[in-house]
Amino acid sequence: MWHTLVPPTPNPLAAGSIMGFETGTMMLAGALTLGHINDSGFWVTAKLPGLSLTGGLKTYTLAQSITGVFVLILALIGATLLPMGA
């Protein structure tokens, strides 16, 4: 038996798991919403079209926020219509 300080992570898609597909999707929505300057996607989005730093932040932050909110709404609708457990 291995002894470690870090507890094992539950499989979010396992049957009877406390975490379901909806929870993973909601976590993805939160991760999408928080893109910033240290994100490589920001630099691709800002520099390829020739945007300034301010213009890139406005464009990237708005797009990421809209995507995050859309995915969160989609996950909540999915959790309501197709619940994955009791």
Protein backbone atom coordinates (compact mmCIF):
# COMPACT_ATOMS: atom_id res chain seq x y z
CA MET A 1 0.00 0.00 0.00
CA TRP A 2 1.30 3.43 -0.96
CA HIS A 3 1.36 6.19 1.61
CA THR A 4 1.01 9.69 0.27
CA LEU A 5 -0.01 13.15 1.43
CA VAL A 6 -2.33 13.63 -1.56
CA PRO A 7 -5.64 11.72 -1.47
CA PRO A 8 -6.73 9.87 -4.61
CA THR A 9 -8.84 11.84 -7.06
CA PRO A 10 -12.29 10.38 -7.77
CA ASN A 11 -13.14 9.54 -11.37
CA PRO A 12 -15.79 12.13 -12.35
CA LEU A 13 -17.41 9.78 -14.89
CA ALA A 14 -17.58 6.69 -12.65
CA ALA A 15 -20.98 5.23 -11.81
CA GLY A 16 -22.23 6.49 -8.46
CA SER A 17 -19.62 9.23 -8.37
CA ILE A 18 -20.38 12.46 -6.52
CA MET A 19 -19.03 14.30 -9.55
CA GLY A 20 -20.80 13.91 -12.86
CA PHE A 21 -20.39 15.06 -16.40
CA GLU A 22 -22.24 18.26 -15.54
CA THR A 23 -19.77 19.08 -12.77
CA GLY A 24 -16.84 18.62 -15.14
CA THR A 25 -18.53 20.79 -17.74
CA MET A 26 -19.16 23.52 -15.18
CA MET A 27 -15.51 23.39 -14.14
CA LEU A 28 -14.56 23.77 -17.80
CA ALA A 29 -16.81 26.83 -18.02
CA GLY A 30 -15.02 28.38 -15.07
CA ALA A 31 -11.62 27.63 -16.54
CA LEU A 32 -12.59 29.16 -19.89
CA THR A 33 -13.72 32.39 -18.26
CA LEU A 34 -10.38 33.19 -16.64
CA GLY A 35 -7.99 33.59 -19.59
CA HIS A 36 -5.45 36.40 -19.24
CA ILE A 37 -2.09 37.69 -20.49
CA ASN A 38 -0.18 34.58 -19.39
CA ASP A 39 -2.43 32.41 -21.58
CA SER A 40 -0.82 31.49 -24.91
CA GLY A 41 -4.21 31.72 -26.61
CA PHE A 42 -4.31 35.39 -25.68
CA TRP A 43 -1.11 36.14 -27.58
CA VAL A 44 -2.30 34.24 -30.65
CA THR A 45 -5.62 36.10 -30.57
CA ALA A 46 -4.01 39.49 -29.96
CA LYS A 47 -0.91 39.46 -32.14
CA LEU A 48 -2.04 37.67 -35.32
CA PRO A 49 -4.66 40.32 -36.17
CA GLY A 50 -2.28 43.07 -34.99
CA LEU A 51 -4.25 44.22 -31.95
CA SER A 52 -2.68 46.31 -29.19
CA LEU A 53 -2.41 44.89 -25.68
CA THR A 54 -5.55 46.74 -24.60
CA GLY A 55 -7.48 45.73 -27.70
CA GLY A 56 -6.38 42.13 -27.30
CA LEU A 57 -7.46 42.07 -23.66
CA LYS A 58 -10.87 43.49 -24.54
CA THR A 59 -11.38 41.03 -27.38
CA TYR A 60 -10.03 37.93 -25.64
CA THR A 61 -11.69 38.59 -22.28
CA LEU A 62 -15.08 39.25 -23.87
CA ALA A 63 -14.91 36.14 -26.07
CA GLN A 64 -13.75 33.90 -23.19
CA SER A 65 -16.44 35.27 -20.86
CA ILE A 66 -19.21 34.69 -23.41
CA THR A 67 -17.95 31.16 -24.04
CA GLY A 68 -17.72 30.39 -20.32
CA VAL A 69 -21.25 31.63 -19.60
CA PHE A 70 -22.62 29.71 -22.60
CA VAL A 71 -20.98 26.46 -21.48
CA LEU A 72 -22.24 26.98 -17.91
CA ILE A 73 -25.82 27.52 -19.14
CA LEU A 74 -25.51 24.47 -21.39
CA ALA A 75 -24.28 22.35 -18.45
CA LEU A 76 -27.13 23.54 -16.21
CA ILE A 77 -29.70 22.75 -18.91
CA GLY A 78 -28.13 19.33 -19.42
CA ALA A 79 -28.13 18.64 -15.68
CA THR A 80 -31.82 19.54 -15.51
CA LEU A 81 -32.96 17.57 -18.54
CA LEU A 82 -30.66 14.55 -18.23
CA PRO A 83 -29.71 14.02 -14.57
CA MET A 84 -26.88 11.48 -14.14
CA GLY A 85 -27.67 9.86 -10.82
CA ALA A 86 -29.95 9.88 -7.88
